[in-house]
Amino acid sequence: EFKDVVASVSLRENESEIWSPFEKIRNRTIPNTSEGMPDTRLIHDALIEIKRDFLNEEKVVLVPSAGTSYDILIAVMDSLRNLEPTDPPLFRKNRETGNEEPVRQLFPEVVFGNLLGEK
């Protein structure tokens, strides 16, 4: 199931890392905000870049650290799943009609990991 996963997002004490267990993307480390929270805006923007290259990918793995609060988890999950009105439009070809259609969600399937082992 995880062989198809393009991106994983690990939340750590001082930073977040976006990486691929199968080296499909360039690893990126994003420092936490000055408040010590994951920078959901920068994580979101990095995932938009990834989505451009993998328009049909729906799944992302979230690897929270042990102390990650519920509120932070929800905020990060929202940034992984949802496209914002201010985001650049993304389009993919509908396999049945051949028409270009807008992508409505970023990575709607958030899977919790530690299953792949913490990097």
Protein backbone atom coordinates (compact mmCIF):
# COMPACT_ATOMS: atom_id res chain seq x y z
CA GLU A 1 0.00 0.00 0.00
CA PHE A 2 2.78 2.46 0.86
CA LYS A 3 4.86 1.82 -2.26
CA ASP A 4 2.69 4.36 -4.08
CA VAL A 5 3.11 7.10 -1.47
CA VAL A 6 4.92 10.09 -2.89
CA ALA A 7 5.32 12.23 0.22
CA SER A 8 5.60 11.88 3.96
CA VAL A 9 5.52 14.75 6.44
CA SER A 10 7.35 14.21 9.73
CA LEU A 11 6.66 16.60 12.60
CA ARG A 12 9.57 17.03 14.98
CA GLU A 13 10.32 19.22 17.97
CA ASN A 14 11.81 22.14 16.00
CA GLU A 15 11.02 21.40 12.36
CA SER A 16 8.96 19.49 9.86
CA GLU A 17 10.43 17.37 7.11
CA ILE A 18 8.79 16.51 3.81
CA TRP A 19 10.36 13.40 2.35
CA SER A 20 9.66 10.32 0.31
CA PRO A 21 10.32 6.81 1.55
CA PHE A 22 11.12 5.92 -2.05
CA GLU A 23 13.05 9.07 -3.01
CA LYS A 24 10.37 10.28 -5.43
CA ILE A 25 10.77 13.87 -4.24
CA ARG A 26 13.51 16.15 -2.94
CA ASN A 27 13.60 16.17 0.86
CA ARG A 28 12.78 19.52 2.46
CA THR A 29 13.15 20.67 6.03
CA ILE A 30 10.88 23.47 7.21
CA PRO A 31 11.70 25.16 10.54
CA ASN A 32 8.85 25.65 12.98
CA THR A 33 7.37 29.12 13.34
CA SER A 34 8.63 31.50 16.02
CA GLU A 35 5.78 30.19 18.20
CA GLY A 36 7.28 26.70 17.93
CA MET A 37 4.47 25.33 15.74
CA PRO A 38 4.80 23.52 12.41
CA ASP A 39 4.69 26.11 9.61
CA THR A 40 1.50 24.91 7.96
CA ARG A 41 1.68 27.59 5.23
CA LEU A 42 5.17 26.52 4.07
CA ILE A 43 4.27 22.83 4.37
CA HIS A 44 1.15 23.47 2.27
CA ASP A 45 3.08 25.42 -0.38
CA ALA A 46 5.72 22.68 -0.63
CA LEU A 47 3.00 20.06 -1.09
CA ILE A 48 1.41 22.09 -3.89
CA GLU A 49 4.74 21.87 -5.75
CA ILE A 50 4.74 18.11 -5.22
CA LYS A 51 1.12 17.79 -6.33
CA ARG A 52 2.01 19.50 -9.64
CA ASP A 53 4.32 16.56 -10.41
CA PHE A 54 1.96 13.89 -9.05
CA LEU A 55 -1.52 15.14 -9.95
CA ASN A 56 -3.21 11.78 -9.41
CA GLU A 57 -1.68 11.08 -6.01
CA GLU A 58 -4.25 11.32 -3.22
CA LYS A 59 -2.33 9.96 -0.24
CA VAL A 60 0.21 11.55 2.09
CA VAL A 61 1.74 10.03 5.23
CA LEU A 62 1.82 12.14 8.39
CA VAL A 63 4.38 11.11 11.01
CA PRO A 64 3.75 13.14 14.16
CA SER A 65 6.18 13.21 17.06
CA ALA A 66 4.97 11.70 20.32
CA GLY A 67 4.11 15.07 21.87
CA THR A 68 2.14 16.54 18.95
CA SER A 69 -1.09 18.08 20.23
CA TYR A 70 -4.49 17.38 18.75
CA ASP A 71 -4.87 21.01 17.61
CA ILE A 72 -1.54 20.90 15.75
CA LEU A 73 -2.48 17.57 14.15
CA ILE A 74 -5.77 19.02 12.88
CA ALA A 75 -4.10 22.19 11.54
CA VAL A 76 -1.41 20.18 9.74
CA MET A 77 -3.93 17.68 8.36
CA ASP A 78 -6.05 20.54 6.99
CA SER A 79 -2.98 22.03 5.28
CA LEU A 80 -2.21 18.63 3.69
CA ARG A 81 -5.74 17.93 2.49
CA ASN A 82 -7.24 21.19 1.36
CA LEU A 83 -6.57 23.56 -1.49
CA GLU A 84 -7.14 27.21 -0.66
CA PRO A 85 -8.86 29.73 -2.98
CA THR A 86 -5.54 31.63 -3.14
CA ASP A 87 -3.58 28.55 -4.31
CA PRO A 88 -2.58 28.33 -7.98
CA PRO A 89 -5.08 26.24 -9.93
CA LEU A 90 -4.10 22.65 -10.70
CA PHE A 91 -5.68 20.63 -13.51
CA ARG A 92 -5.56 16.95 -14.41
CA LYS A 93 -6.97 15.02 -17.33
CA ASN A 94 -10.12 13.03 -16.63
CA ARG A 95 -9.31 9.51 -17.86
CA GLU A 96 -12.88 8.88 -19.00
CA THR A 97 -13.68 12.15 -20.79
CA GLY A 98 -10.20 13.33 -21.74
CA ASN A 99 -11.13 16.79 -20.42
CA GLU A 100 -8.87 18.85 -18.16
CA GLU A 101 -10.58 19.23 -14.79
CA PRO A 102 -9.57 21.24 -11.72
CA VAL A 103 -7.99 19.38 -8.84
CA ARG A 104 -10.24 20.03 -5.84
CA GLN A 105 -8.11 18.71 -2.99
CA LEU A 106 -4.40 18.53 -2.26
CA PHE A 107 -3.83 15.13 -0.60
CA PRO A 108 -7.25 14.11 0.78
CA GLU A 109 -6.08 10.77 2.20
CA VAL A 110 -3.89 11.45 5.23
CA VAL A 111 -2.42 8.22 6.57
CA PHE A 112 -0.67 8.13 9.92
CA GLY A 113 2.78 6.67 9.76
CA ASN A 114 5.49 5.41 11.99
CA LEU A 115 4.67 2.37 9.92
CA LEU A 116 7.59 3.10 7.63
CA GLY A 117 9.94 3.79 10.50
CA GLU A 118 11.06 7.24 11.58
CA LYS A 119 13.88 8.73 9.52
